[in-house]
Amino acid sequence: LAAFPGWSAPEPKTGYMWFNANLKIGGVVEAGLVLHGGCLQACPDYHVVLQLQVASTSGRRCIPLQRLDWRSINGGHRNPRIGESEWRGRTVSNTHFHDFALNWDSARNGFLRDGLRLARDLEAPVPASFGEVLAWAASPFRIDNMQIIVPPPWEERLLWEVPQ
């Protein structure tokens, strides 16, 4: 990571907070290549996403390369019956990883239809804290300084509702 830009203010309607951190490779900041992180302000230690993405040539649309979903409040994920992976057609838990290699179609020399559709469960032990999520993600994302990301400013509540 070139630097940690900090978390955004929560979006008014959803409470979604996020960051986009530029990546540095060999001392050079790569334009358009970012680590996106996101979570809901009202859901401490749940519904966290980390996604490696690149901006398309127009700069308006981002292309996800791989994504970690940790404790998604939407539950698990049903993989479509595409590709040749052992994960094809399987259901994964609410903590899962949309691996680049799992979604790459070497015959087409490109992603499977519609991008990151296939996910796999994480091998035990599954991260139990935000710090453990960062430590786990460091290896597949190939980012050696994930620890510069500070935990989100979650709002601790006795009761909370999931934003619609």
Protein backbone atom coordinates (compact mmCIF):
# COMPACT_ATOMS: atom_id res chain seq x y z
CA LEU A 1 0.00 0.00 0.00
CA ALA A 2 1.30 3.44 -0.85
CA ALA A 3 -0.55 4.90 2.17
CA PHE A 4 -3.76 4.39 4.10
CA PRO A 5 -6.16 7.22 3.18
CA GLY A 6 -8.53 6.64 6.10
CA TRP A 7 -12.15 5.55 6.16
CA SER A 8 -14.84 7.61 4.44
CA ALA A 9 -17.69 9.13 6.39
CA PRO A 10 -20.66 6.76 6.53
CA GLU A 11 -22.98 7.13 3.54
CA PRO A 12 -26.20 8.73 4.84
CA LYS A 13 -28.69 6.12 3.60
CA THR A 14 -26.70 2.93 4.12
CA GLY A 15 -24.02 3.66 6.71
CA TYR A 16 -21.44 2.14 4.33
CA MET A 17 -17.87 3.29 5.03
CA TRP A 18 -14.99 2.62 2.66
CA PHE A 19 -11.46 3.39 1.58
CA ASN A 20 -9.50 3.09 -1.67
CA ALA A 21 -5.78 2.71 -1.06
CA ASN A 22 -3.38 2.98 -3.99
CA LEU A 23 -0.90 0.17 -4.43
CA LYS A 24 2.82 0.59 -4.86
CA ILE A 25 4.86 -1.99 -6.77
CA GLY A 26 8.65 -1.73 -6.75
CA GLY A 27 8.43 1.75 -5.26
CA VAL A 28 6.07 3.04 -7.98
CA VAL A 29 2.41 3.88 -7.31
CA GLU A 30 0.38 2.05 -9.95
CA ALA A 31 -2.35 4.29 -11.37
CA GLY A 32 -5.79 2.74 -11.03
CA LEU A 33 -4.71 -0.29 -8.98
CA VAL A 34 -6.28 -0.07 -5.53
CA LEU A 35 -7.30 -2.03 -2.50
CA HIS A 36 -10.91 -1.21 -1.70
CA GLY A 37 -12.18 -1.84 1.80
CA GLY A 38 -15.72 -1.46 3.01
CA CYS A 39 -18.05 -2.15 5.91
CA LEU A 40 -21.23 -0.92 7.59
CA GLN A 41 -20.86 1.53 10.45
CA ALA A 42 -23.57 -0.19 12.51
CA CYS A 43 -22.19 -3.74 12.14
CA PRO A 44 -18.97 -4.04 14.16
CA ASP A 45 -16.87 -7.02 13.11
CA TYR A 46 -19.34 -8.03 10.38
CA HIS A 47 -19.87 -7.45 6.67
CA VAL A 48 -16.30 -6.44 5.80
CA VAL A 49 -15.06 -6.54 2.23
CA LEU A 50 -11.50 -6.21 0.92
CA GLN A 51 -11.21 -6.09 -2.86
CA LEU A 52 -8.26 -5.70 -5.17
CA GLN A 53 -9.47 -3.75 -8.19
CA VAL A 54 -8.24 -1.83 -11.19
CA ALA A 55 -9.88 1.12 -12.93
CA SER A 56 -10.87 0.51 -16.52
CA THR A 57 -9.36 2.71 -19.20
CA SER A 58 -12.28 5.14 -18.94
CA GLY A 59 -11.53 5.54 -15.23
CA ARG A 60 -15.21 5.28 -14.37
CA ARG A 61 -15.69 1.56 -13.82
CA CYS A 62 -13.58 -0.63 -11.59
CA ILE A 63 -12.77 -4.20 -12.48
CA PRO A 64 -12.54 -6.45 -9.41
CA LEU A 65 -9.60 -8.85 -9.46
CA GLN A 66 -10.24 -10.69 -6.18
CA ARG A 67 -12.33 -10.13 -3.07
CA LEU A 68 -12.58 -11.29 0.52
CA ASP A 69 -16.00 -11.18 2.18
CA TRP A 70 -15.77 -11.55 5.97
CA ARG A 71 -18.86 -12.38 8.02
CA SER A 72 -21.27 -11.12 5.37
CA ILE A 73 -24.67 -10.29 6.83
CA ASN A 74 -26.14 -11.54 3.56
CA GLY A 75 -25.10 -15.07 4.52
CA GLY A 76 -23.25 -17.50 2.31
CA HIS A 77 -22.73 -17.43 -1.41
CA ARG A 78 -23.99 -19.92 -4.00
CA ASN A 79 -21.48 -20.44 -6.78
CA PRO A 80 -22.89 -20.75 -10.28
CA ARG A 81 -22.21 -23.89 -12.32
CA ILE A 82 -19.54 -22.29 -14.48
CA GLY A 83 -15.85 -22.98 -14.89
CA GLU A 84 -14.00 -26.16 -14.06
CA SER A 85 -13.28 -25.62 -10.36
CA GLU A 86 -14.15 -28.00 -7.54
CA TRP A 87 -16.10 -25.01 -6.11
CA ARG A 88 -18.40 -24.89 -9.13
CA GLY A 89 -22.04 -25.08 -7.98
CA ARG A 90 -21.15 -25.22 -4.27
CA THR A 91 -22.40 -22.98 -1.50
CA VAL A 92 -19.79 -21.23 0.64
CA SER A 93 -20.10 -19.65 4.09
CA ASN A 94 -20.55 -15.97 4.96
CA THR A 95 -16.74 -15.69 5.04
CA HIS A 96 -15.35 -16.53 1.61
CA PHE A 97 -12.75 -15.54 -0.96
CA HIS A 98 -13.36 -14.74 -4.62
CA ASP A 99 -9.93 -15.84 -5.82
CA PHE A 100 -8.49 -14.47 -9.07
CA ALA A 101 -7.31 -17.95 -10.15
CA LEU A 102 -10.72 -19.48 -9.42
CA ASN A 103 -12.39 -16.98 -11.75
CA TRP A 104 -9.83 -16.97 -14.56
CA ASP A 105 -10.66 -18.90 -17.73
CA SER A 106 -7.35 -19.82 -19.35
CA ALA A 107 -9.12 -21.01 -22.54
CA ARG A 108 -10.58 -17.51 -23.01
CA ASN A 109 -7.54 -15.78 -21.55
CA GLY A 110 -9.93 -13.73 -19.42
CA PHE A 111 -12.36 -13.84 -16.54
CA LEU A 112 -15.30 -16.18 -16.47
CA ARG A 113 -18.57 -14.60 -17.55
CA ASP A 114 -19.56 -11.68 -15.27
CA GLY A 115 -16.29 -11.46 -13.31
CA LEU A 116 -15.82 -12.72 -9.75
CA ARG A 117 -18.69 -15.20 -9.56
CA LEU A 118 -16.88 -18.14 -7.93
CA ALA A 119 -15.79 -18.13 -4.30
CA ARG A 120 -14.23 -20.63 -1.92
CA ASP A 121 -14.38 -21.02 1.84
CA LEU A 122 -11.31 -20.05 3.84
CA GLU A 123 -9.32 -22.84 5.37
CA ALA A 124 -9.37 -22.97 9.17
CA PRO A 125 -8.76 -20.98 11.20
CA VAL A 126 -11.16 -18.38 9.86
CA PRO A 127 -10.21 -14.83 10.95
CA ALA A 128 -11.93 -13.88 14.21
CA SER A 129 -11.10 -10.14 14.27
CA PHE A 130 -10.48 -7.28 11.88
CA GLY A 131 -6.73 -7.56 12.56
CA GLU A 132 -6.82 -11.25 11.66
CA VAL A 133 -8.69 -10.40 8.44
CA LEU A 134 -5.85 -8.06 7.43
CA ALA A 135 -3.22 -10.66 8.35
CA TRP A 136 -5.03 -13.35 6.31
CA ALA A 137 -5.55 -11.08 3.28
CA ALA A 138 -1.90 -10.00 3.14
CA SER A 139 -0.82 -13.23 1.45
CA PRO A 140 -3.36 -13.68 -1.39
CA PHE A 141 -3.45 -9.94 -2.07
CA ARG A 142 0.37 -9.88 -1.94
CA ILE A 143 0.41 -6.72 0.20
CA ASP A 144 3.18 -6.66 2.80
CA ASN A 145 2.01 -3.68 4.86
CA MET A 146 -1.68 -4.38 5.50
CA GLN A 147 -1.13 -3.46 9.14
CA ILE A 148 -1.22 0.26 8.22
CA ILE A 149 -4.99 -0.06 7.74
CA VAL A 150 -6.73 1.06 10.92
CA PRO A 151 -9.95 -0.60 12.09
CA PRO A 152 -13.14 1.07 10.91
CA PRO A 153 -14.80 3.60 13.23
CA TRP A 154 -17.65 1.24 13.99
CA GLU A 155 -20.47 2.53 16.10
CA GLU A 156 -20.98 0.20 19.03
CA ARG A 157 -24.67 -0.32 19.72
CA LEU A 158 -26.55 -2.64 22.02
CA LEU A 159 -29.07 -3.23 19.22
CA TRP A 160 -28.58 -2.51 15.54
CA GLU A 161 -30.54 -2.85 12.38
CA VAL A 162 -29.16 -3.82 9.02
CA PRO A 163 -29.61 -0.90 6.60
CA GLN A 164 -31.87 -1.72 3.64
